[in-house]
Each structure stands twice: as C-alpha cells, then as structure tokens.
C-alpha cells in the first residue's frame, strides 16, 4: 500500500509541476501584456497631471493640426461647387425637370465636398506624425530627463538641425514601411470578399500594434544610438509588454480627434517603457 501511495503521490506531484510549468509562461504573458497596456495611461499621467508645463512641447502640433483641419474643411466647402461646375454647369432653366436637375446638382456638390474633406483628413492623419515628429522628440527627451534626472543637452543650432532631420526622416521611413505592408494587403483583401476583410482586420491589428510599439520607443532609442537590431531584440525579449503597449496606443490613435490629445501620452508612455526595459524593470534586459 505504501508503494502504491508513493507512486500516486509522485504522479500527483508530476501533474502539479507540469501544470505549474505550463501556467507560468501564460501568467507571465498576461501580466506582461497588462503591464504594457498601462504605459500609455502612465504617460498621460506624466504629461497631463504631473507636468502640465510640458504643454510647450505637445501643444504646438495639436494647434497646428486643428488649424489644418479647419483649413481642409473650409477649402472643401469653398471649392466643391467650382469642381462640380467644371464638369456640369448648374441648370438655370425653369420647370420641373430643371428643378430636379438642380436638386441632384446640389447633392453632387455636397458629395464632392465631403469626398474632398475626407481625403484631406486622411492625408493629414498620415502626415500628422511627420508634422509632430520634432515636438514628440523634444517631449520624449523632456520625459526622460524628468524620469532619470539627466541634465539637459546644451542647445545649439547644429544639434537642433540634426535632430530635426533625423526625426523627420525616421517618421517618413516608418510611414513608408507601414504603407508598403498594409497597402498591398488591403488591395489583396478586396479580391477575397468577407474572408479577405477578416484576415486583413486581424493581421492589420497585430501588425499595427507591433508597429506602434516599436514606433513609440524610437525617440529614446535613437537618442541612445540603438540600431534596428537592438529594437527588434527589445521586441523579441519583451514581446508581451511591447504588444500590450502597442494595443493601448492602437485603441486611441485610431479615434478621430481623440488621437490628437492622446499622442503625447503615447510618446511619454513609450519613453517610460523603453527606460524600464533597458533597466530590466519591465522584463529581461534586452540584448545589445
């Protein structure tokens, strides 16, 4: 009986140990994902609540973008009639059918105006990161100084020009990469009704979340001269915190107008996440 009990106890311990070994990575994944998801909100707390003076960095691109939105809408309203009249002059005759023609002419004018406005807003959303890149870089540097206590880099026109060129080129390159991946995939999805849209949506979410995760650690990584291999190593070693952070950014940056106010929080959150990962606080220290 004792032998039987010992065998049963050993088998039980093996099962418990196996469950623990399987559950541990799952638990770490869930905790890591949740931890990463909180970083955008931590960034919002740093930017909006603890350090309101940082508005000097993030306020300018928001104001510029709002003026651009107003200009796009005003321009669409101003030109929609001219564009339609160029291909179909406004009917001026009297009678029933000319009245019907004027009605559809007016409908076409507003449809053209709406199309022009939406097209302008889409283009603006694509270039917003490029417009805001120098300010986001300065905001990220300020957050890093607040977090680490490091002294500010002395101002010089040479450093300013170098940083401005670096950040703009970096944003243009990342935007081109995103378009090169998602553009053909979107076109391909049109040839597979229903299934194509499902695959596009799932892959689009996964790729965009990972893209945002790497995108918003770029500023502190660039200041430390970390190359792309290093950043990929950060993602590989700390996938779940990075994926969780990218998901948090994705949730807000695709909401119109909300993304204008949330972008500074994402910049600050990405800076905090990168600093924590470098120090090994958010997971295993990434390989250089």
Protein backbone atom coordinates (compact mmCIF):
# COMPACT_ATOMS: atom_id res chain seq x y z
CA UNK A 1 0.00 0.00 0.00
CA UNK A 2 2.81 2.37 0.85
CA UNK A 3 4.39 1.79 -2.55
CA UNK A 4 1.06 2.46 -4.23
CA UNK A 5 0.56 5.63 -2.19
CA UNK A 6 4.08 6.81 -3.00
CA UNK A 7 3.51 6.21 -6.72
CA UNK A 8 0.21 8.06 -6.56
CA UNK A 9 1.80 10.95 -4.67
CA UNK A 10 4.67 11.11 -7.18
CA UNK A 11 2.24 11.10 -10.09
CA UNK A 12 0.25 13.89 -8.43
CA UNK A 13 3.40 15.97 -7.91
CA UNK A 14 4.38 15.47 -11.56
CA UNK A 15 0.95 16.62 -12.73
CA UNK A 16 1.02 19.68 -10.44
CA UNK A 17 4.54 20.51 -11.56
CA UNK A 18 3.55 20.17 -15.22
CA UNK A 19 0.55 22.44 -14.72
CA UNK A 20 2.76 24.98 -12.98
CA UNK A 21 5.32 24.87 -15.78
CA UNK A 22 2.59 25.46 -18.37
CA UNK A 23 0.75 28.10 -16.37
CA UNK A 24 3.85 30.15 -15.53
CA UNK A 25 4.53 31.36 -19.10
CA UNK A 26 0.82 32.04 -19.60
CA UNK A 27 0.70 34.04 -16.38
CA UNK A 28 3.81 35.97 -17.32
CA UNK A 29 2.29 36.66 -20.74
CA UNK A 30 -0.95 38.00 -19.27
CA UNK A 31 0.86 40.09 -16.65
CA UNK A 32 3.35 41.38 -19.22
CA UNK A 33 0.59 42.27 -21.67
CA UNK A 34 -1.41 44.06 -18.98
CA UNK A 35 1.68 45.90 -17.75
CA UNK A 36 2.43 47.11 -21.26
CA UNK A 37 -1.18 48.17 -21.74
CA UNK A 38 -0.89 50.55 -18.77
CA UNK A 39 2.07 52.53 -20.15
CA UNK A 40 0.06 54.89 -22.39
CA UNK A 41 -2.03 55.82 -19.34
CA UNK A 42 1.10 56.26 -17.24
CA UNK A 43 2.36 58.56 -19.97
CA UNK A 44 -0.90 60.53 -19.82
CA UNK A 45 -0.48 60.96 -16.07
CA UNK A 46 3.08 62.24 -16.53
CA UNK A 47 2.18 64.64 -19.34
CA UNK A 48 -1.20 65.99 -18.29
CA UNK A 49 -1.29 65.74 -14.49
CA UNK A 50 2.20 65.75 -13.05
CA UNK A 51 3.95 68.07 -15.51
CA UNK A 52 1.48 70.47 -17.15
CA UNK A 53 4.42 72.61 -18.26
CA UNK A 54 5.15 70.00 -20.93
CA UNK A 55 2.33 71.58 -22.94
CA UNK A 56 5.02 73.72 -24.57
CA UNK A 57 6.06 70.58 -26.46
CA UNK A 58 2.81 68.85 -27.29
CA UNK A 59 0.54 71.89 -27.57
CA UNK A 60 2.07 73.26 -30.79
CA UNK A 61 1.43 70.25 -33.08
CA UNK A 62 -2.13 69.98 -31.74
CA UNK A 63 -2.82 73.64 -32.55
CA UNK A 64 -1.21 73.27 -35.99
CA UNK A 65 -3.25 70.14 -36.71
CA UNK A 66 -6.50 71.80 -35.61
CA UNK A 67 -5.81 74.76 -37.90
CA UNK A 68 -5.09 72.28 -40.70
CA UNK A 69 -8.42 70.52 -40.07
CA UNK A 70 -10.29 73.84 -40.19
CA UNK A 71 -8.44 74.77 -43.39
CA UNK A 72 -9.27 71.44 -45.04
CA UNK A 73 -12.98 71.71 -44.20
CA UNK A 74 -13.13 75.36 -45.28
CA UNK A 75 -11.32 74.54 -48.52
CA UNK A 76 -13.70 71.67 -49.29
CA UNK A 77 -16.72 73.93 -48.75
CA UNK A 78 -15.14 76.65 -50.89
CA UNK A 79 -14.25 74.50 -53.91
CA UNK A 80 -16.98 71.86 -54.03
CA UNK A 81 -19.26 74.00 -56.21
CA UNK A 82 -16.46 75.01 -58.56
CA UNK A 83 -15.35 71.41 -59.04
CA UNK A 84 -18.86 70.24 -59.96
CA UNK A 85 -19.50 73.23 -62.24
CA UNK A 86 -16.34 72.34 -64.15
CA UNK A 87 -17.99 69.12 -65.34
CA UNK A 88 -21.69 70.01 -65.01
CA UNK A 89 -22.90 73.60 -65.08
CA UNK A 90 -25.70 74.50 -62.69
CA UNK A 91 -29.08 74.22 -64.50
CA UNK A 92 -30.72 77.64 -64.80
CA UNK A 93 -33.88 76.81 -66.72
CA UNK A 94 -37.33 76.88 -65.16
CA UNK A 95 -39.68 73.96 -64.89
CA UNK A 96 -40.00 70.58 -63.20
CA UNK A 97 -37.06 68.72 -64.76
CA UNK A 98 -34.62 71.62 -64.40
CA UNK A 99 -35.61 71.75 -60.70
CA UNK A 100 -34.90 68.03 -60.36
CA UNK A 101 -31.55 68.56 -62.12
CA UNK A 102 -30.67 71.41 -59.72
CA UNK A 103 -31.50 69.16 -56.76
CA UNK A 104 -29.14 66.42 -57.93
CA UNK A 105 -26.56 69.05 -58.82
CA UNK A 106 -26.67 70.31 -55.21
CA UNK A 107 -26.44 66.72 -53.89
CA UNK A 108 -23.42 66.10 -56.09
CA UNK A 109 -21.80 69.31 -54.85
CA UNK A 110 -22.04 68.20 -51.23
CA UNK A 111 -20.86 64.68 -52.06
CA UNK A 112 -17.81 66.12 -53.80
CA UNK A 113 -17.21 68.47 -50.87
CA UNK A 114 -17.46 65.59 -48.40
CA UNK A 115 -15.06 63.49 -50.51
CA UNK A 116 -12.54 66.33 -50.70
CA UNK A 117 -12.77 66.92 -46.95
CA UNK A 118 -12.40 63.23 -46.07
CA UNK A 119 -9.49 62.85 -48.48
CA UNK A 120 -7.76 65.84 -46.93
CA UNK A 121 -8.30 64.49 -43.42
CA UNK A 122 -6.90 61.07 -44.41
CA UNK A 123 -3.79 62.71 -45.85
CA UNK A 124 -3.48 64.86 -42.72
CA UNK A 125 -3.74 61.79 -40.48
CA UNK A 126 -0.92 60.15 -42.44
CA UNK A 127 1.41 63.15 -42.14
CA UNK A 128 0.47 64.08 -38.58
CA UNK A 129 3.36 62.03 -37.17
CA UNK A 130 5.76 63.76 -39.56
CA UNK A 131 4.47 67.19 -38.53
CA UNK A 132 4.65 66.33 -34.85
CA UNK A 133 7.94 64.38 -35.01
CA UNK A 134 10.31 67.17 -33.83
CA UNK A 135 7.96 68.11 -31.00
CA UNK A 136 7.46 64.47 -29.97
CA UNK A 137 11.23 64.00 -29.90
CA UNK A 138 11.60 67.03 -27.62
CA UNK A 139 8.74 65.78 -25.42
CA UNK A 140 10.32 62.33 -25.16
CA UNK A 141 13.65 63.88 -24.16
CA UNK A 142 11.95 66.02 -21.51
CA UNK A 143 10.12 62.99 -20.07
CA UNK A 144 13.39 61.05 -19.98
CA UNK A 145 15.10 63.88 -18.09
CA UNK A 146 12.26 64.00 -15.57
CA UNK A 147 12.40 60.24 -15.12
CA UNK A 148 16.18 59.84 -14.86
CA UNK A 149 17.32 63.25 -13.65
CA UNK A 150 19.79 63.51 -16.52
CA UNK A 151 20.95 67.04 -17.40
CA UNK A 152 19.55 68.71 -20.48
CA UNK A 153 21.61 68.69 -23.68
CA UNK A 154 23.02 72.18 -24.30
CA UNK A 155 21.13 73.95 -27.07
CA UNK A 156 22.83 74.51 -30.40
CA UNK A 157 21.57 75.08 -33.93
CA UNK A 158 23.67 72.16 -35.14
CA UNK A 159 22.05 69.74 -32.67
CA UNK A 160 18.61 71.16 -33.48
CA UNK A 161 19.09 70.71 -37.23
CA UNK A 162 20.49 67.19 -36.76
CA UNK A 163 17.61 66.09 -34.52
CA UNK A 164 15.02 67.69 -36.80
CA UNK A 165 16.38 65.93 -39.88
CA UNK A 166 16.71 62.61 -38.04
CA UNK A 167 13.17 62.60 -36.68
CA UNK A 168 11.52 63.67 -39.94
CA UNK A 169 13.43 61.08 -41.99
CA UNK A 170 12.64 58.43 -39.39
CA UNK A 171 8.91 59.18 -39.50
CA UNK A 172 8.82 59.23 -43.31
CA UNK A 173 10.65 55.87 -43.40
CA UNK A 174 8.28 54.27 -40.89
CA UNK A 175 5.24 55.64 -42.71
CA UNK A 176 6.56 54.23 -46.00
CA UNK A 177 7.15 50.83 -44.36
CA UNK A 178 3.63 50.74 -42.93
CA UNK A 179 2.10 51.68 -46.28
CA UNK A 180 4.26 49.10 -48.10
CA UNK A 181 2.90 46.32 -45.87
CA UNK A 182 -0.70 47.33 -45.31
CA UNK A 183 -1.41 48.85 -48.75
CA UNK A 184 -0.92 45.69 -50.84
CA UNK A 185 -2.65 43.62 -48.17
CA UNK A 186 -5.71 45.89 -48.34
CA UNK A 187 -5.81 45.62 -52.14
CA UNK A 188 -5.46 41.83 -51.92
CA UNK A 189 -8.32 41.66 -49.40
CA UNK A 190 -10.67 43.22 -51.97
CA UNK A 191 -10.33 40.12 -54.14
CA UNK A 192 -11.46 37.84 -51.30
CA UNK A 193 -14.85 39.09 -50.11
CA UNK A 194 -15.54 38.56 -46.40
CA UNK A 195 -12.56 36.25 -45.81
CA UNK A 196 -10.12 38.85 -47.09
CA UNK A 197 -11.56 41.54 -44.82
CA UNK A 198 -11.38 39.26 -41.77
CA UNK A 199 -7.75 38.33 -42.48
CA UNK A 200 -6.91 41.97 -43.18
CA UNK A 201 -8.52 43.13 -39.93
CA UNK A 202 -6.76 40.51 -37.78
CA UNK A 203 -3.35 40.93 -39.39
CA UNK A 204 -3.82 44.69 -39.51
CA UNK A 205 -4.43 44.84 -35.77
CA UNK A 206 -1.45 42.62 -34.93
CA UNK A 207 0.93 44.40 -37.29
CA UNK A 208 -0.27 47.87 -36.28
CA UNK A 209 0.05 47.17 -32.55
CA UNK A 210 3.61 45.87 -33.01
CA UNK A 211 4.37 48.77 -35.36
CA UNK A 212 3.17 51.30 -32.77
CA UNK A 213 5.17 49.57 -30.03
CA UNK A 214 8.42 49.99 -31.98
CA UNK A 215 7.37 53.39 -33.33
CA UNK A 216 6.90 54.99 -29.92
CA UNK A 217 10.18 53.78 -28.45
CA UNK A 218 12.08 55.19 -31.42
CA UNK A 219 12.83 58.56 -29.87
CA UNK A 220 14.65 57.36 -26.73
CA UNK A 221 16.24 54.53 -28.73
CA UNK A 222 17.57 56.95 -31.34
CA UNK A 223 19.00 59.27 -28.72
CA UNK A 224 20.98 56.30 -27.36
CA UNK A 225 22.08 55.31 -30.88
CA UNK A 226 20.25 51.97 -30.68
CA UNK A 227 20.05 50.32 -34.08
CA UNK A 228 17.16 48.38 -35.60
CA UNK A 229 18.60 45.03 -34.49
CA UNK A 230 18.60 46.28 -30.92
CA UNK A 231 14.97 47.41 -31.16
CA UNK A 232 13.94 44.07 -32.64
CA UNK A 233 15.75 42.45 -29.71
CA UNK A 234 13.71 44.60 -27.32
CA UNK A 235 10.53 43.37 -29.00
CA UNK A 236 11.66 39.73 -29.06
CA UNK A 237 12.72 39.60 -25.41
CA UNK A 238 9.78 41.63 -24.12
CA UNK A 239 7.09 40.75 -26.63
CA UNK A 240 4.06 40.81 -24.33
CA UNK A 241 4.76 44.18 -22.63
CA UNK A 242 5.54 45.66 -26.04
CA UNK A 243 2.43 44.14 -27.62
CA UNK A 244 0.29 45.36 -24.73
CA UNK A 245 1.70 48.88 -25.09
CA UNK A 246 1.07 48.84 -28.84
CA UNK A 247 -2.50 47.70 -28.23
CA UNK A 248 -3.09 50.60 -25.83
CA UNK A 249 -1.77 53.06 -28.40
CA UNK A 250 -3.84 51.43 -31.16
CA UNK A 251 -7.05 51.77 -29.14
CA UNK A 252 -6.79 55.56 -29.05
CA UNK A 253 -4.82 56.67 -32.09
CA UNK A 254 -7.50 55.44 -34.49
CA UNK A 255 -10.24 57.54 -32.84
CA UNK A 256 -10.52 60.84 -34.76
CA UNK A 257 -9.59 63.96 -32.75
CA UNK A 258 -9.01 61.86 -29.63
CA UNK A 259 -5.71 60.81 -31.21
CA UNK A 260 -4.56 64.45 -31.21
CA UNK A 261 -4.71 64.60 -27.42
CA UNK A 262 -3.55 61.03 -26.87
CA UNK A 263 -0.39 61.17 -28.98
CA UNK A 264 1.64 62.99 -26.27
CA UNK A 265 0.59 60.30 -23.77
CA UNK A 266 1.77 57.61 -26.19
CA UNK A 267 5.11 59.37 -26.65
CA UNK A 268 5.63 59.65 -22.89
CA UNK A 269 4.44 56.07 -22.32
CA UNK A 270 6.82 54.72 -24.95
CA UNK A 271 9.70 56.61 -23.35
CA UNK A 272 8.85 55.22 -19.89
CA UNK A 273 8.52 51.71 -21.29
CA UNK A 274 11.88 51.87 -23.07
CA UNK A 275 13.64 53.16 -19.95
CA UNK A 276 12.09 50.42 -17.82
CA UNK A 277 13.01 47.69 -20.31
CA UNK A 278 16.58 48.95 -20.51
CA UNK A 279 16.81 48.81 -16.75
CA UNK A 280 15.22 45.35 -16.68
CA UNK A 281 12.19 46.59 -14.74
CA UNK A 282 9.65 45.50 -17.34
CA UNK A 283 11.17 42.16 -18.21
CA UNK A 284 14.51 40.60 -19.05
CA UNK A 285 17.08 43.19 -20.15
CA UNK A 286 17.20 43.26 -23.96
CA UNK A 287 20.40 42.20 -25.68
CA UNK A 288 22.53 44.93 -27.22
